Each structure stands twice: as C-alpha cells, then as structure tokens.
Amino acid sequence: MAVGHGRGGLDLGLGPVTLSWTVAILGFVGYMAASRKDVQRDNTP
C-alpha cells in the first residue's frame, strides 16, 4: 500500500500507511480487551 504504482502498490506513502495500521491494531486490541470476547469461561461444576 505504501509503495509506488510501479511496484504494485497504492502509492499512499509510508507514514499514512503506518499510522493507519497502528490505529487499526490498537483499536482491535482495545476492543478485545474491553469486551473480553477472547476469554474462555470455565464451565466446570
């Protein structure tokens, strides 16, 4: 995504692509931490 069109990319630049991925990853990790959807509950009696 960051590389030029000649190399098969979208020519968006390294800074914006890095920032976008960082925000996306932090958002996903924050969501998983807050919702605790990734934690298995122990259902043993």
C-alpha atoms as a PDB file:
ATOM      1  CA  MET A   1       0.000   0.000   0.000  1.00  0.00           C
ATOM      2  CA  ALA A   2       2.844   2.379   0.742  1.00  0.00           C
ATOM      3  CA  VAL A   3       4.972   1.703  -2.345  1.00  0.00           C
ATOM      4  CA  GLY A   4       4.511   3.288  -5.743  1.00  0.00           C
ATOM      5  CA  HIS A   5       2.238   2.129  -8.546  1.00  0.00           C
ATOM      6  CA  GLY A   6       5.237   0.795 -10.481  1.00  0.00           C
ATOM      7  CA  ARG A   7       5.884  -1.721  -7.705  1.00  0.00           C
ATOM      8  CA  GLY A   8       2.234  -2.768  -7.392  1.00  0.00           C
ATOM      9  CA  GLY A   9       1.273  -0.511  -4.505  1.00  0.00           C
ATOM     10  CA  LEU A  10      -1.246   2.246  -3.963  1.00  0.00           C
ATOM     11  CA  ASP A  11       1.388   4.988  -3.540  1.00  0.00           C
ATOM     12  CA  LEU A  12      -0.086   6.210  -0.237  1.00  0.00           C
ATOM     13  CA  GLY A  13       3.251   6.773   1.490  1.00  0.00           C
ATOM     14  CA  LEU A  14       4.894   5.066   4.429  1.00  0.00           C
ATOM     15  CA  GLY A  15       3.706   7.492   7.132  1.00  0.00           C
ATOM     16  CA  PRO A  16      -0.050   7.331   6.475  1.00  0.00           C
ATOM     17  CA  VAL A  17       0.007   3.566   5.988  1.00  0.00           C
ATOM     18  CA  THR A  18       1.933   3.025   9.222  1.00  0.00           C
ATOM     19  CA  LEU A  19      -0.387   5.348  11.132  1.00  0.00           C
ATOM     20  CA  SER A  20      -3.484   3.649   9.705  1.00  0.00           C
ATOM     21  CA  TRP A  21      -2.293   0.172  10.647  1.00  0.00           C
ATOM     22  CA  THR A  22      -1.252   1.321  14.117  1.00  0.00           C
ATOM     23  CA  VAL A  23      -4.686   2.829  14.786  1.00  0.00           C
ATOM     24  CA  ALA A  24      -6.436  -0.286  13.416  1.00  0.00           C
ATOM     25  CA  ILE A  25      -4.365  -2.683  15.536  1.00  0.00           C
ATOM     26  CA  LEU A  26      -4.702  -0.612  18.708  1.00  0.00           C
ATOM     27  CA  GLY A  27      -8.445  -0.340  18.116  1.00  0.00           C
ATOM     28  CA  PHE A  28      -8.810  -4.084  17.692  1.00  0.00           C
ATOM     29  CA  VAL A  29      -6.689  -4.881  20.754  1.00  0.00           C
ATOM     30  CA  GLY A  30      -8.613  -2.313  22.807  1.00  0.00           C
ATOM     31  CA  TYR A  31     -11.928  -3.783  21.699  1.00  0.00           C
ATOM     32  CA  MET A  32     -10.848  -7.319  22.552  1.00  0.00           C
ATOM     33  CA  ALA A  33      -9.533  -6.221  25.953  1.00  0.00           C
ATOM     34  CA  ALA A  34     -12.708  -4.302  26.819  1.00  0.00           C
ATOM     35  CA  SER A  35     -15.207  -6.875  25.536  1.00  0.00           C
ATOM     36  CA  ARG A  36     -13.239  -9.931  26.757  1.00  0.00           C
ATOM     37  CA  LYS A  37     -14.697 -11.907  23.833  1.00  0.00           C
ATOM     38  CA  ASP A  38     -11.419 -13.781  23.515  1.00  0.00           C
ATOM     39  CA  VAL A  39     -11.526 -15.165  27.069  1.00  0.00           C
ATOM     40  CA  GLN A  40     -12.951 -18.653  27.531  1.00  0.00           C
ATOM     41  CA  ARG A  41     -15.109 -19.132  30.581  1.00  0.00           C
ATOM     42  CA  ASP A  42     -14.642 -22.173  32.794  1.00  0.00           C
ATOM     43  CA  ASN A  43     -17.973 -24.045  32.896  1.00  0.00           C
ATOM     44  CA  THR A  44     -16.893 -26.917  35.147  1.00  0.00           C
ATOM     45  CA  PRO A  45     -19.164 -27.571  38.152  1.00  0.00           C
END
